[in-house]
Structures are given as C-alpha cells and as structure tokens.
Amino acid sequence: MGIYRGGVLQSAQMQLYEMAWASEVDLLNDSAIDLGGGRFARRQQVVSAGMFINEVPQIDIANGTFTADFYFWIRFMPDKVPGAADPEHIEFPGMLKTKFDPASVVAKGNLDDGSVYRLWHVLSDFKGDFDLHRYPLDRQTLALRFFNARAASEQIVYIPDRRQDELKAHAMEQVKHASTPDTLRLVDDRKDPTLRDFVPNTFRRLTQWTMVKTNKERTNLVTPSSLGDPRLVGQNNVRELSGFEMSIEVRRRLVSTMSKSMLPLGLLTLILFASLFFPDKFSANKVGVAITAALSCAVLLT
C-alpha cells in the first residue's frame, strides 16, 4: 500500500505482512488478521529513516575503525495495538566504546499528519570492514547501520526517508510555474544545502581519502535459525531484524599516500647509500647507520 505526497509515491506507514501462523491472542487483540484459508497477516510499521553526516574526522585502517559524527532521524505512525513494535528500540552493532541510548533524543514531536518524529546525535567510533587487496588503489566503504533490537522485520521495517524527494518535486513544480527569470532555477543537491546528506567540509580532515558517493538503504540482520521456537522448525523461516544503513564510499588519494609513504623511505635509502662513502676509520659507523636505516624502514613499512 502506498500514498502520493507532493507528487512522489511513498510507502504507506502501515502495511500488512503475511505470516505463517497466528495465535488466538494475536487474533483477539487485532495484532494479526485472519485472511481465510489458513492464511494470516500481521500489521507492519513502515518507518522512514535518514542520516546527515556532520564529519568523518578519522579512518584508522590499522585498527579497522573510523570515527563519525552524524544526526539520524525516524518518522513513523504509532501503533497502539498491544504488543506492537517500538521503532525507537535501536542498536548500532558496529559502535565501539560507547552504547547508543535511545532516550537521549535531540528533538522530538508530533507532526500534522499524526506521525511521530525523533532526532538523535551520534559521535562515536565504528568498526570498519576494510579490504586492502588493491592498496594503494583501494576503495573503502564506511557503513553506519542500526537495527531494531526487539522486533523482527515482519513487525517493523525501516526505509530511506523520501521527504527530500517530495521537496525536490515541489520545487520543480514551482519552477514550471515560475513567472520571472529570478525564480526560474532548478533545485538539486548542489544548489540547496537542505537536500544534502553531508556538509561540504565533512571530509576535510581525511588527507589521504576522497569521498566518492553516499547511499542509504534498508537492510536486515538475518539469523538462519529457528532459535529454539518449535513452531518454526521445518518451515522456510528465518529471524530478520529490520535495520537501516548509510554507506560512504571513499577512494584513497594515490599521490598523497605514496608521497607520505615513500618520502621517508627514500631519505633513509639515501642515508644508507651515503654511508658507503665513509672513510675506513668510520667502519663502525657504517654498521650503525645501516642497522638504524634498516630498522627505521621496517617500522615505517609496518
């Protein structure tokens, strides 16, 4: 089920998800619906989610981590049926050192359409899955993902917030009816900062990396097991926790990386080469310089 808003087709905030079975309690409290013929459906909340990156100050390849400072928000229609999932029960599985607290909201409120809005600010280190097979021509993906810790995907699903698409469509509609050259302009991510996913200087401190693109999508944390539930044994069911992910793809700057890596090694090589021209009376110094240069190169390469 969908809805048109501002000329943009969006998913309705409440869906029906077909399920394999339903208990009498679920049928009585309206959390499940009998479709007839032994088929049942569950009410599924559709939550719009989005992220805005403030800064990515550090990428630590050696430790497999990166630091991110960002806002993220959700908009949803509250479901008052007993046992309904709570969209605010969110966890970041890749977050290090600190733990996300859903109660520490920056802004909250009820919108005109009856939906609920929540905004959080996060600054933390995250685990990165880096692949160095193509170093120094490698590209890395920084993934910021969260999941609902208590509800499966048949109860709740997070989707990218398309409100920005609605704003773009509205702006384009105004362009069509523009009457003066001053108002005749196209609104896109480059001209309107309110439609961006990050600020222009977000990656200014990453001297060896260049941002390529960002992407937002829904994701699931899948557990291919019945997890001890005998009702699921023998059925083609798995437990899926619904989540949301924003990925940032970065490309290594070849010239900057090679200059920082090769310049110290080149200088040490010159020092080692110069030691060959020491007089015979400095033979002991030759050995010392050679050992020092070799150890320094080993440390830098490591």
Protein backbone atom coordinates (compact mmCIF):
# COMPACT_ATOMS: atom_id res chain seq x y z
CA MET A 1 0.00 0.00 0.00
CA GLY A 2 1.33 3.41 -0.93
CA ILE A 3 0.45 7.07 -0.86
CA TYR A 4 1.19 10.01 -3.15
CA ARG A 5 2.56 13.03 -1.36
CA GLY A 6 3.80 16.08 -3.22
CA GLY A 7 3.83 14.14 -6.47
CA VAL A 8 6.11 11.45 -5.03
CA LEU A 9 4.92 7.88 -4.44
CA GLN A 10 5.80 6.76 -0.92
CA SER A 11 5.11 3.65 1.08
CA ALA A 12 2.17 3.84 3.44
CA GLN A 13 3.23 3.91 7.08
CA MET A 14 1.23 0.79 7.90
CA GLN A 15 1.32 -2.42 5.85
CA LEU A 16 0.05 -6.00 6.07
CA TYR A 17 2.70 -8.74 6.20
CA GLU A 18 1.66 -12.34 5.54
CA MET A 19 2.71 -14.72 8.31
CA ALA A 20 2.84 -18.50 8.62
CA TRP A 21 0.73 -18.78 11.75
CA ALA A 22 -1.10 -16.70 14.34
CA SER A 23 -2.13 -17.41 17.91
CA GLU A 24 -5.60 -16.81 19.27
CA VAL A 25 -4.24 -13.98 21.41
CA ASP A 26 -2.89 -12.23 18.30
CA LEU A 27 -6.28 -12.54 16.60
CA LEU A 28 -8.15 -11.24 19.63
CA ASN A 29 -6.02 -8.11 20.13
CA ASP A 30 -6.01 -7.30 16.39
CA SER A 31 -2.24 -7.69 16.03
CA ALA A 32 -2.99 -10.44 13.47
CA ILE A 33 -5.69 -10.70 10.81
CA ASP A 34 -7.29 -13.90 9.52
CA LEU A 35 -7.22 -13.78 5.71
CA GLY A 36 -9.08 -17.08 5.36
CA GLY A 37 -7.88 -20.38 4.00
CA GLY A 38 -5.36 -20.79 6.80
CA ARG A 39 -3.58 -17.55 5.86
CA PHE A 40 -2.82 -14.79 8.32
CA ALA A 41 -1.33 -11.30 8.16
CA ARG A 42 0.37 -9.04 10.70
CA ARG A 43 0.30 -5.26 10.94
CA GLN A 44 3.72 -3.99 9.88
CA GLN A 45 5.01 -0.50 10.70
CA VAL A 46 6.93 1.32 7.97
CA VAL A 47 9.41 3.77 9.49
CA SER A 48 11.10 6.46 7.41
CA ALA A 49 14.73 6.91 8.44
CA GLY A 50 17.52 9.24 7.37
CA MET A 51 21.05 10.33 8.25
CA PHE A 52 23.04 13.53 7.90
CA ILE A 53 26.84 13.37 8.23
CA ASN A 54 28.47 16.22 10.13
CA GLU A 55 32.06 14.99 9.98
CA VAL A 56 34.20 11.92 9.45
CA PRO A 57 37.45 13.04 11.15
CA GLN A 58 39.41 9.80 11.09
CA ILE A 59 39.81 6.47 9.29
CA ASP A 60 42.11 4.07 11.15
CA ILE A 61 43.00 1.29 8.74
CA ALA A 62 45.44 -0.37 11.16
CA ASN A 63 42.76 -0.90 13.83
CA GLY A 64 39.88 -1.32 11.37
CA THR A 65 37.85 1.60 12.75
CA PHE A 66 36.57 5.01 11.74
CA THR A 67 35.05 7.95 13.59
CA ALA A 68 31.75 9.53 12.55
CA ASP A 69 29.70 12.47 13.77
CA PHE A 70 26.15 12.45 12.41
CA TYR A 71 22.45 13.06 13.01
CA PHE A 72 19.84 10.45 12.27
CA TRP A 73 16.07 10.57 12.49
CA ILE A 74 12.96 8.43 12.14
CA ARG A 75 9.32 9.23 11.34
CA PHE A 76 6.58 6.72 12.00
CA MET A 77 2.90 6.31 12.69
CA PRO A 78 2.45 4.96 16.24
CA ASP A 79 0.71 1.60 16.50
CA LYS A 80 -1.38 1.31 19.68
CA VAL A 81 -2.16 -2.40 19.23
CA PRO A 82 -0.91 -4.47 22.22
CA GLY A 83 2.48 -6.00 21.53
CA ALA A 84 3.30 -3.62 18.67
CA ALA A 85 6.96 -2.99 17.93
CA ASP A 86 8.64 0.16 19.19
CA PRO A 87 10.65 1.84 16.39
CA GLU A 88 12.87 3.57 18.95
CA HIS A 89 14.44 0.33 20.24
CA ILE A 90 17.54 0.87 18.11
CA GLU A 91 21.06 -0.53 18.39
CA PHE A 92 24.25 0.17 16.40
CA PRO A 93 26.07 -3.19 16.25
CA GLY A 94 29.29 -1.60 14.93
CA MET A 95 29.53 1.11 17.58
CA LEU A 96 32.65 0.90 19.76
CA LYS A 97 33.47 2.17 23.28
CA THR A 98 30.02 3.69 23.83
CA LYS A 99 26.48 2.33 23.59
CA PHE A 100 23.64 4.13 21.88
CA ASP A 101 20.93 5.40 24.24
CA PRO A 102 17.51 5.78 22.51
CA ALA A 103 16.33 8.04 25.34
CA SER A 104 18.90 10.75 24.53
CA VAL A 105 16.88 12.38 21.77
CA VAL A 106 17.88 15.81 20.46
CA ALA A 107 14.42 16.71 19.14
CA LYS A 108 11.02 15.05 19.12
CA GLY A 109 7.46 15.92 18.32
CA ASN A 110 4.19 15.00 16.63
CA LEU A 111 3.67 16.08 13.02
CA ASP A 112 0.48 17.35 11.40
CA ASP A 113 -0.29 14.00 9.77
CA GLY A 114 -0.25 12.23 13.15
CA SER A 115 3.21 10.70 12.72
CA VAL A 116 5.97 10.89 15.31
CA TYR A 117 9.38 12.47 14.71
CA ARG A 118 12.59 11.61 16.61
CA LEU A 119 16.11 13.01 16.09
CA TRP A 120 19.41 11.79 17.62
CA HIS A 121 23.01 12.97 17.52
CA VAL A 122 25.79 10.35 17.50
CA LEU A 123 29.56 10.80 17.81
CA SER A 124 31.48 7.56 18.18
CA ASP A 125 33.99 5.12 16.71
CA PHE A 126 32.64 2.36 14.46
CA LYS A 127 34.03 -0.94 13.26
CA GLY A 128 35.05 -0.92 9.60
CA ASP A 129 35.37 -3.84 7.20
CA PHE A 130 38.35 -2.75 5.12
CA ASP A 131 39.77 -4.61 2.12
CA LEU A 132 43.41 -3.80 1.24
CA HIS A 133 43.88 -6.18 -1.68
CA ARG A 134 44.13 -3.27 -4.15
CA TYR A 135 46.27 -0.96 -1.99
CA PRO A 136 47.15 1.83 -2.80
CA LEU A 137 44.38 1.96 -5.42
CA ASP A 138 41.76 0.72 -2.98
CA ARG A 139 38.30 2.00 -2.18
CA GLN A 140 36.72 1.52 1.22
CA THR A 141 33.12 1.62 2.43
CA LEU A 142 32.22 3.20 5.76
CA ALA A 143 28.93 1.68 6.87
CA LEU A 144 26.69 3.29 9.51
CA ARG A 145 23.90 0.83 10.26
CA PHE A 146 21.37 0.28 13.00
CA PHE A 147 18.79 -2.41 13.72
CA ASN A 148 15.70 -2.74 15.85
CA ALA A 149 16.83 -4.82 18.81
CA ARG A 150 13.47 -6.38 19.75
CA ALA A 151 11.22 -6.70 16.70
CA ALA A 152 11.53 -8.84 13.59
CA SER A 153 11.15 -7.42 10.09
CA GLU A 154 7.57 -8.69 9.77
CA GLN A 155 6.61 -6.26 12.55
CA ILE A 156 8.63 -3.22 11.54
CA VAL A 157 10.71 -2.11 8.55
CA TYR A 158 12.96 0.92 8.12
CA ILE A 159 13.07 2.61 4.71
CA PRO A 160 15.01 5.64 3.42
CA ASP A 161 13.17 8.89 4.09
CA ARG A 162 11.84 10.19 0.77
CA ARG A 163 10.74 13.53 2.15
CA GLN A 164 13.68 15.10 0.28
CA ASP A 165 12.29 13.70 -2.98
CA GLU A 166 8.99 15.31 -2.07
CA LEU A 167 10.72 18.67 -1.54
CA LYS A 168 12.50 18.35 -4.88
CA ALA A 169 9.26 17.53 -6.67
CA HIS A 170 7.56 20.51 -5.04
CA ALA A 171 10.43 22.78 -6.07
CA MET A 172 10.31 21.50 -9.65
CA GLU A 173 6.58 22.17 -9.72
CA GLN A 174 7.27 25.75 -8.69
CA VAL A 175 9.86 26.05 -11.46
CA LYS A 176 7.24 25.08 -14.06
CA HIS A 177 5.03 27.96 -12.93
CA ALA A 178 7.85 30.50 -12.50
CA SER A 179 6.97 33.87 -13.94
CA THR A 180 10.28 35.72 -13.68
CA PRO A 181 13.88 34.74 -14.50
CA ASP A 182 14.85 35.25 -10.85
CA THR A 183 12.61 32.40 -9.71
CA LEU A 184 13.44 30.14 -12.63
CA ARG A 185 16.05 27.85 -11.13
CA LEU A 186 16.41 24.13 -10.62
CA VAL A 187 16.75 22.80 -7.11
CA ASP A 188 19.23 19.97 -6.67
CA ASP A 189 21.67 18.65 -4.07
CA ARG A 190 24.41 21.02 -5.18
CA LYS A 191 22.35 24.23 -5.01
CA ASP A 192 20.15 23.55 -2.00
CA PRO A 193 22.10 22.55 1.16
CA THR A 194 18.91 21.37 2.90
CA LEU A 195 18.75 18.41 0.49
CA ARG A 196 22.29 17.12 1.09
CA ASP A 197 23.42 14.13 3.13
CA PHE A 198 26.50 15.94 4.47
CA VAL A 199 28.10 19.37 4.73
CA PRO A 200 30.80 20.42 2.20
CA ASN A 201 33.67 20.18 4.73
CA THR A 202 32.62 16.83 6.19
CA PHE A 203 35.76 15.03 4.97
CA ARG A 204 38.25 17.92 5.24
CA ARG A 205 40.41 16.10 7.82
CA LEU A 206 40.83 12.96 5.71
CA THR A 207 44.03 13.99 3.95
CA GLN A 208 44.52 10.62 2.23
CA TRP A 209 40.92 9.97 1.17
CA THR A 210 38.39 11.41 -1.25
CA MET A 211 34.65 10.87 -0.85
CA VAL A 212 33.10 9.17 -3.90
CA LYS A 213 29.42 8.73 -3.07
CA THR A 214 26.89 8.02 -0.32
CA ASN A 215 23.96 5.62 -0.33
CA LYS A 216 21.03 4.97 2.01
CA GLU A 217 19.04 1.74 2.02
CA ARG A 218 17.14 -0.65 4.23
CA THR A 219 18.99 -3.69 5.49
CA ASN A 220 18.23 -6.81 7.53
CA LEU A 221 20.22 -8.70 10.14
CA VAL A 222 19.38 -12.31 9.23
CA THR A 223 19.67 -15.26 11.60
CA PRO A 224 19.09 -18.56 9.70
CA SER A 225 17.81 -20.48 12.71
CA SER A 226 14.54 -21.24 14.47
CA LEU A 227 16.25 -20.05 17.70
CA GLY A 228 14.53 -22.75 19.72
CA ASP A 229 10.99 -21.93 18.57
CA PRO A 230 9.35 -25.31 17.74
CA ARG A 231 6.66 -23.59 15.67
CA LEU A 232 9.31 -22.58 13.10
CA VAL A 233 11.02 -25.97 12.79
CA GLY A 234 10.59 -27.42 9.33
CA GLN A 235 9.44 -24.11 7.86
CA ASN A 236 11.37 -21.91 5.49
CA ASN A 237 11.57 -19.09 8.02
CA VAL A 238 14.49 -17.16 9.45
CA ARG A 239 14.63 -14.38 12.01
CA GLU A 240 15.26 -11.00 10.42
CA LEU A 241 15.84 -7.82 12.37
CA SER A 242 14.94 -4.80 10.29
CA GLY A 243 17.51 -2.04 10.00
CA PHE A 244 18.83 0.92 8.06
CA GLU A 245 22.25 1.61 6.59
CA MET A 246 24.07 4.62 5.20
CA SER A 247 27.27 3.76 3.36
CA ILE A 248 30.03 6.22 2.47
CA GLU A 249 32.43 5.14 -0.26
CA VAL A 250 35.88 6.75 -0.15
CA ARG A 251 38.85 6.46 -2.54
CA ARG A 252 42.48 6.64 -1.48
CA ARG A 253 44.46 9.59 -2.83
CA LEU A 254 47.35 7.91 -4.62
CA VAL A 255 49.77 10.87 -4.81
CA SER A 256 49.27 11.88 -1.18
CA THR A 257 49.56 8.31 0.08
CA MET A 258 52.66 7.43 -1.91
CA SER A 259 54.45 10.70 -1.08
CA LYS A 260 53.90 10.20 2.65
CA SER A 261 54.96 6.56 2.48
CA MET A 262 57.87 6.76 0.06
CA LEU A 263 59.49 10.05 1.10
CA PRO A 264 60.77 8.76 4.49
CA LEU A 265 61.93 5.52 2.89
CA GLY A 266 63.72 7.46 0.16
CA LEU A 267 65.53 9.63 2.68
CA LEU A 268 66.65 6.61 4.68
CA THR A 269 67.83 4.93 1.50
CA LEU A 270 69.95 7.99 0.68
CA ILE A 271 71.43 7.94 4.19
CA LEU A 272 72.30 4.26 3.82
CA PHE A 273 73.85 4.89 0.41
CA ALA A 274 75.88 7.82 1.77
CA SER A 275 77.33 5.57 4.47
CA LEU A 276 79.13 3.60 1.75
CA PHE A 277 81.40 6.60 1.17
CA PHE A 278 82.52 6.90 4.79
CA PRO A 279 86.32 6.62 5.29
CA ASP A 280 87.75 3.34 6.55
CA LYS A 281 88.26 4.79 10.03
CA PHE A 282 84.46 5.14 10.29
CA SER A 283 83.78 1.47 9.57
CA ALA A 284 81.96 1.05 12.87
CA ASN A 285 79.69 3.96 11.99
CA LYS A 286 78.81 2.29 8.67
CA VAL A 287 77.36 -0.67 10.52
CA GLY A 288 75.44 1.56 12.89
CA VAL A 289 73.94 3.67 10.11
CA ALA A 290 72.98 0.56 8.12
CA ILE A 291 71.27 -1.06 11.10
CA THR A 292 69.47 2.18 12.01
CA ALA A 293 68.21 2.67 8.44
CA ALA A 294 67.04 -0.94 8.18
CA LEU A 295 65.14 -0.79 11.48
CA SER A 296 63.57 2.58 10.59
CA CYS A 297 62.39 1.25 7.20
CA ALA A 298 60.91 -1.85 8.87
CA VAL A 299 58.99 0.28 11.37
CA LEU A 300 57.63 2.61 8.68
CA LEU A 301 56.58 -0.26 6.42
CA THR A 302 54.83 -1.98 9.30
